[in-house]
Protein backbone atom coordinates (compact mmCIF):
# COMPACT_ATOMS: atom_id res chain seq x y z
CA MET A 1 130.41 88.80 121.65
CA GLU A 2 129.07 92.19 118.48
CA LYS A 3 125.34 92.72 118.65
CA LYS A 4 125.70 93.24 114.68
CA SER A 5 127.72 91.07 113.84
CA ALA A 6 128.25 89.06 110.37
CA PRO A 7 127.13 86.12 111.52
CA THR A 8 124.31 87.26 113.29
CA LYS A 9 123.26 89.50 109.73
CA PHE A 10 123.47 86.49 108.11
CA LEU A 11 121.42 84.80 110.20
CA ALA A 12 119.32 88.07 110.11
CA ILE A 13 118.78 87.20 106.45
CA ALA A 14 119.01 83.73 105.93
CA GLY A 15 116.00 83.52 108.58
CA THR A 16 113.83 86.36 106.93
CA ILE A 17 114.83 84.10 103.35
CA LEU A 18 113.45 80.70 105.06
CA VAL A 19 110.32 82.80 106.72
CA TRP A 20 108.69 84.23 104.06
CA PHE A 21 109.28 81.72 101.34
CA PRO A 22 106.11 79.50 102.43
CA LEU A 23 104.16 82.83 101.65
CA LEU A 24 105.93 84.00 98.24
CA ALA A 25 106.00 80.54 96.88
CA PRO A 26 102.34 79.90 96.08
CA ILE A 27 102.18 84.40 94.85
CA LEU A 28 105.08 83.81 92.55
CA LEU A 29 104.08 80.13 91.42
CA SER A 30 100.38 81.81 90.54
CA ILE A 31 101.77 84.27 88.83
CA ILE A 32 104.02 81.97 86.39
CA LEU A 33 100.93 79.85 85.73
CA PHE A 34 99.29 82.85 84.70
CA LEU A 35 101.37 84.06 82.56
CA GLN A 36 102.27 81.01 80.89
CA ARG A 37 98.58 79.51 80.40
CA GLN A 38 96.12 82.49 81.82
CA ILE A 39 94.67 80.37 84.34
CA TRP A 40 94.99 81.57 87.57
CA ARG A 41 94.97 78.99 90.82
CA ILE A 42 96.79 79.47 94.32
CA ASP A 43 97.58 76.58 96.35
CA TYR A 44 96.71 78.00 99.79
CA LEU A 45 97.86 75.08 101.89
CA MET A 46 101.57 75.76 100.05
CA PRO A 47 102.76 77.44 103.86
CA ALA A 48 101.77 74.56 105.80
CA GLU A 49 103.18 72.04 102.66
CA LEU A 50 106.54 74.25 103.25
CA PHE A 51 106.81 74.12 107.10
CA PHE A 52 109.89 73.28 107.29
CA SER A 53 111.31 76.18 105.81
CA PHE A 54 109.33 78.18 108.26
CA LEU A 55 110.88 76.16 111.19
CA LEU A 56 114.57 76.81 110.10
CA GLY A 57 113.61 80.27 109.45
CA SER A 58 112.54 81.22 112.49
CA GLY A 59 114.92 79.19 114.05
CA LEU A 60 117.84 81.11 112.95
CA LEU A 61 115.32 84.45 112.99
CA LEU A 62 115.19 83.39 117.02
CA TRP A 63 118.98 82.65 117.11
CA ALA A 64 119.26 86.37 115.55
CA THR A 65 117.67 87.81 117.83
CA LEU A 66 118.81 86.51 120.58
CA ARG A 67 122.35 87.77 119.92
CA ALA A 68 120.83 91.26 118.57
CA HIS A 69 119.16 91.53 121.67
CA SER A 70 116.48 92.90 119.03
CA ARG A 71 113.12 92.11 117.79
CA VAL A 72 112.95 89.20 120.69
CA LYS A 73 108.82 89.45 121.23
CA LEU A 74 108.15 90.20 118.07
CA VAL A 75 109.63 86.75 116.69
CA ALA A 76 108.72 84.61 119.60
CA TRP A 77 105.41 85.52 119.82
CA GLY A 78 105.54 84.47 115.70
CA LEU A 79 106.69 80.82 117.05
CA GLY A 80 103.95 80.75 119.56
CA LEU A 81 100.99 80.65 117.07
CA ALA A 82 99.28 77.16 116.59
CA SER A 83 96.47 76.94 114.38
CA LEU A 84 96.99 77.78 109.84
CA VAL A 85 95.18 80.88 109.86
CA LEU A 86 97.22 82.34 113.15
CA TYR A 87 100.45 80.46 111.56
CA VAL A 88 100.07 81.97 107.98
CA LEU A 89 99.63 85.69 110.82
CA GLY A 90 103.03 84.03 112.39
CA ILE A 91 105.27 83.91 109.33
CA ILE A 92 104.47 87.39 108.35
CA LEU A 93 105.17 88.61 112.08
CA VAL A 94 108.37 86.54 112.04
CA GLY A 95 108.91 87.81 108.82
CA MET A 96 108.56 91.15 109.79
CA GLY A 97 110.61 90.67 113.41
CA GLY A 98 113.78 89.41 110.36
CA ALA A 99 112.84 92.13 107.93
CA PHE A 100 113.09 94.81 110.58
CA LEU A 101 116.10 93.59 112.50
CA VAL A 102 118.20 93.47 109.54
CA ARG A 103 117.17 96.99 108.65
CA ASP A 104 118.34 97.93 111.79
CA LEU A 105 121.83 96.03 111.16
CA PHE A 106 122.21 97.66 108.26
CA LYS A 107 120.88 100.93 109.45
CA GLN A 108 123.28 101.16 111.94
CA GLN A 109 126.55 100.46 109.72
CA ARG A 110 125.52 103.32 107.31
CA SER A 111 125.69 106.03 109.71
CA THR A 112 128.53 105.18 111.39
CA VAL A 113 129.99 104.80 108.01
CA GLN A 114 128.63 108.08 106.81
CA SER A 115 130.14 110.24 109.87
């Protein structure tokens, strides 16, 4: 199986988006509320409420990392964190792992095309 195949890239992109969603949603919604009503409110528990987005995304990312044989430890360690603070750190680690994986998958393709 090609380690940088289209399904692996799709898994990496979809997983990264789903992993970052629980952290970005409260920030983006707070900015929208501030722009509309000049009120600054942020729901710091929303990342925990959106746990299933993170769970699905991290599962896709773990699958992609195993297929690509890249960044497995970073994603796996991110999945192992338990408390709310560590959970948010885990989202960041897995999201970074996904972003790095997406970059790695497309970086090789660009250098191959340029050659």
